[in-house]
C-alpha atoms as a PDB file:
ATOM      1  CA  MET A   1      19.285 124.679 -12.936  1.00  0.00           C
ATOM      2  CA  ILE A   2      18.055 121.097 -12.950  1.00  0.00           C
ATOM      3  CA  LEU A   3      15.902 121.304 -16.064  1.00  0.00           C
ATOM      4  CA  LYS A   4      18.438 122.887 -18.383  1.00  0.00           C
ATOM      5  CA  LYS A   5      18.353 121.865 -21.991  1.00  0.00           C
ATOM      6  CA  ARG A   6      19.951 118.459 -22.095  1.00  0.00           C
ATOM      7  CA  ASP A   7      20.664 116.214 -25.022  1.00  0.00           C
ATOM      8  CA  LYS A   8      18.571 113.147 -25.786  1.00  0.00           C
ATOM      9  CA  SER A   9      21.114 110.674 -24.380  1.00  0.00           C
ATOM     10  CA  THR A  10      20.975 112.349 -20.950  1.00  0.00           C
ATOM     11  CA  TRP A  11      17.197 112.085 -20.805  1.00  0.00           C
ATOM     12  CA  ASP A  12      17.345 108.485 -22.054  1.00  0.00           C
ATOM     13  CA  GLY A  13      19.747 107.630 -19.241  1.00  0.00           C
ATOM     14  CA  ILE A  14      17.535 109.284 -16.636  1.00  0.00           C
ATOM     15  CA  GLU A  15      14.500 107.463 -18.034  1.00  0.00           C
ATOM     16  CA  LYS A  16      16.230 104.061 -17.937  1.00  0.00           C
ATOM     17  CA  ALA A  17      17.492 104.601 -14.384  1.00  0.00           C
ATOM     18  CA  ALA A  18      14.035 105.661 -13.190  1.00  0.00           C
ATOM     19  CA  MET A  19      12.455 102.662 -14.899  1.00  0.00           C
ATOM     20  CA  MET A  20      14.924 100.285 -13.245  1.00  0.00           C
ATOM     21  CA  GLY A  21      14.154 101.728  -9.804  1.00  0.00           C
ATOM     22  CA  THR A  22      10.411 101.633 -10.386  1.00  0.00           C
ATOM     23  CA  ASN A  23      10.547  98.019 -11.566  1.00  0.00           C
ATOM     24  CA  PHE A  24      12.572  97.011  -8.506  1.00  0.00           C
ATOM     25  CA  VAL A  25      10.012  98.571  -6.154  1.00  0.00           C
ATOM     26  CA  ALA A  26       7.141  96.976  -8.101  1.00  0.00           C
ATOM     27  CA  HIS A  27       8.686  93.489  -7.850  1.00  0.00           C
ATOM     28  CA  THR A  28       9.206  93.949  -4.116  1.00  0.00           C
ATOM     29  CA  VAL A  29       5.649  95.169  -3.503  1.00  0.00           C
ATOM     30  CA  VAL A  30       4.156  92.333  -5.555  1.00  0.00           C
ATOM     31  CA  GLY A  31       6.176  89.806  -3.520  1.00  0.00           C
ATOM     32  CA  LEU A  32       5.001  91.470  -0.303  1.00  0.00           C
ATOM     33  CA  VAL A  33       1.324  91.381  -1.321  1.00  0.00           C
ATOM     34  CA  ILE A  34       1.480  87.755  -2.501  1.00  0.00           C
ATOM     35  CA  GLY A  35       3.195  86.763   0.763  1.00  0.00           C
ATOM     36  CA  TYR A  36       0.618  88.594   2.873  1.00  0.00           C
ATOM     37  CA  TYR A  37      -2.350  86.883   1.208  1.00  0.00           C
ATOM     38  CA  PHE A  38      -0.515  83.544   1.132  1.00  0.00           C
ATOM     39  CA  ASP A  39      -0.165  83.765   4.929  1.00  0.00           C
ATOM     40  CA  LYS A  40      -3.819  84.718   5.361  1.00  0.00           C
ATOM     41  CA  TRP A  41      -4.918  81.811   3.164  1.00  0.00           C
ATOM     42  CA  LEU A  42      -2.741  79.109   4.781  1.00  0.00           C
ATOM     43  CA  ASN A  43      -2.365  80.725   8.244  1.00  0.00           C
ATOM     44  CA  THR A  44       1.439  80.421   8.089  1.00  0.00           C
ATOM     45  CA  ALA A  45       2.403  83.934   9.268  1.00  0.00           C
ATOM     46  CA  PRO A  46       5.084  85.275   8.871  1.00  0.00           C
ATOM     47  CA  TRP A  47       6.855  82.642   6.741  1.00  0.00           C
ATOM     48  CA  GLY A  48       4.930  83.110   3.512  1.00  0.00           C
ATOM     49  CA  LEU A  49       5.425  86.872   3.725  1.00  0.00           C
ATOM     50  CA  ILE A  50       9.169  86.493   4.293  1.00  0.00           C
ATOM     51  CA  VAL A  51       9.637  83.959   1.501  1.00  0.00           C
ATOM     52  CA  TRP A  52       7.583  85.867  -1.059  1.00  0.00           C
ATOM     53  CA  LEU A  53       9.151  89.190  -0.084  1.00  0.00           C
ATOM     54  CA  LEU A  54      12.620  87.704  -0.618  1.00  0.00           C
ATOM     55  CA  LEU A  55      11.494  86.248  -3.949  1.00  0.00           C
ATOM     56  CA  GLY A  56      10.214  89.669  -4.988  1.00  0.00           C
ATOM     57  CA  ILE A  57      13.500  91.325  -4.031  1.00  0.00           C
ATOM     58  CA  VAL A  58      15.512  88.695  -5.912  1.00  0.00           C
ATOM     59  CA  ALA A  59      13.266  89.118  -8.962  1.00  0.00           C
ATOM     60  CA  GLY A  60      13.748  92.899  -8.757  1.00  0.00           C
ATOM     61  CA  PHE A  61      17.533  92.606  -8.619  1.00  0.00           C
ATOM     62  CA  ARG A  62      17.503  90.084 -11.473  1.00  0.00           C
ATOM     63  CA  ASP A  63      15.415  92.388 -13.626  1.00  0.00           C
ATOM     64  CA  MET A  64      17.654  95.343 -12.766  1.00  0.00           C
ATOM     65  CA  TYR A  65      20.754  93.313 -13.691  1.00  0.00           C
ATOM     66  CA  LEU A  66      19.264  92.185 -17.004  1.00  0.00           C
ATOM     67  CA  GLN A  67      18.266  95.743 -17.908  1.00  0.00           C
ATOM     68  CA  ALA A  68      21.745  97.035 -17.025  1.00  0.00           C
ATOM     69  CA  MET A  69      23.359  94.360 -19.193  1.00  0.00           C
ATOM     70  CA  LYS A  70      21.002  95.243 -22.054  1.00  0.00           C
ATOM     71  CA  ILE A  71      21.969  98.931 -21.764  1.00  0.00           C
ATOM     72  CA  THR A  72      25.665  98.063 -21.607  1.00  0.00           C
ATOM     73  CA  ARG A  73      25.395  95.823 -24.662  1.00  0.00           C
ATOM     74  CA  SER A  74      23.575  98.479 -26.670  1.00  0.00           C
ATOM     75  CA  GLN A  75      26.146 101.143 -25.728  1.00  0.00           C
ATOM     76  CA  SER A  76      29.080  98.919 -26.631  1.00  0.00           C
ATOM     77  CA  LEU A  77      27.536  98.180 -30.037  1.00  0.00           C
ATOM     78  CA  ASP A  78      27.126 101.891 -30.734  1.00  0.00           C
ATOM     79  CA  GLY A  79      30.887 102.433 -30.603  1.00  0.00           C
ATOM     80  CA  PRO A  80      32.530 105.615 -29.365  1.00  0.00           C
ATOM     81  CA  GLN A  81      30.295 108.610 -28.830  1.00  0.00           C
ATOM     82  CA  ALA A  82      30.649 111.732 -30.958  1.00  0.00           C
ATOM     83  CA  GLY A  83      33.727 113.724 -30.005  1.00  0.00           C
ATOM     84  CA  GLN A  84      35.548 110.756 -28.489  1.00  0.00           C
ATOM     85  CA  ASN A  85      38.440 109.039 -30.186  1.00  0.00           C
ATOM     86  CA  ALA A  86      38.599 105.286 -30.133  1.00  0.00           C
ATOM     87  CA  ALA A  87      41.899 103.968 -28.786  1.00  0.00           C
ATOM     88  CA  PRO A  88      43.561 101.132 -30.697  1.00  0.00           C
ATOM     89  CA  ALA A  89      42.820  97.726 -29.240  1.00  0.00           C
ATOM     90  CA  ASP A  90      46.504  96.975 -28.564  1.00  0.00           C
ATOM     91  CA  ALA A  91      47.045 100.270 -26.733  1.00  0.00           C
ATOM     92  CA  ALA A  92      44.744  99.121 -23.939  1.00  0.00           C
ATOM     93  CA  LYS A  93      46.708  95.903 -23.362  1.00  0.00           C
ATOM     94  CA  PRO A  94      49.529  96.151 -20.844  1.00  0.00           C
ATOM     95  CA  GLY A  95      52.946  95.192 -22.162  1.00  0.00           C
ATOM     96  CA  VAL A  96      52.006  95.637 -25.830  1.00  0.00           C
ATOM     97  CA  ASN A  97      53.847  98.295 -27.793  1.00  0.00           C
ATOM     98  CA  PRO A  98      51.719  99.410 -30.773  1.00  0.00           C
ATOM     99  CA  GLU A  99      54.890 100.359 -32.700  1.00  0.00           C
ATOM    100  CA  GLU A 100      56.208  96.809 -32.459  1.00  0.00           C
ATOM    101  CA  LYS A 101      55.428  94.360 -35.248  1.00  0.00           C
ATOM    102  CA  PRO A 102      54.466  90.762 -34.487  1.00  0.00           C
ATOM    103  CA  GLY A 103      57.604  88.788 -33.725  1.00  0.00           C
ATOM    104  CA  GLY A 104      59.154  91.550 -31.575  1.00  0.00           C
ATOM    105  CA  LYS A 105      60.571  93.660 -34.444  1.00  0.00           C
ATOM    106  CA  LYS A 106      60.163  97.424 -34.419  1.00  0.00           C
ATOM    107  CA  ASP A 107      59.393  99.536 -37.484  1.00  0.00           C
ATOM    108  CA  ALA A 108      62.587 100.905 -39.044  1.00  0.00           C
END
């Protein structure tokens, strides 16, 4: 079932994703409306509409990118989630043996 009991982090993720989509649509619609009335005012159809629509889309993508980076930053600051083990930093690097001491000597 879709509305099973879910933990708070799941609902927070759904909320953030929905907000990002809504903001993108809002930026696009605002650009469209400004472009439409800009063309009516200056009689420049369809160029004002095209330019302002593109500006709205770019603003929407920029906002979506900034929100995604903010979410990523906040998740990386939280550290590993409950139930997950953090891997040592050297284990993730290729060619680095965690048993080896600096200088290429192994533990005896």
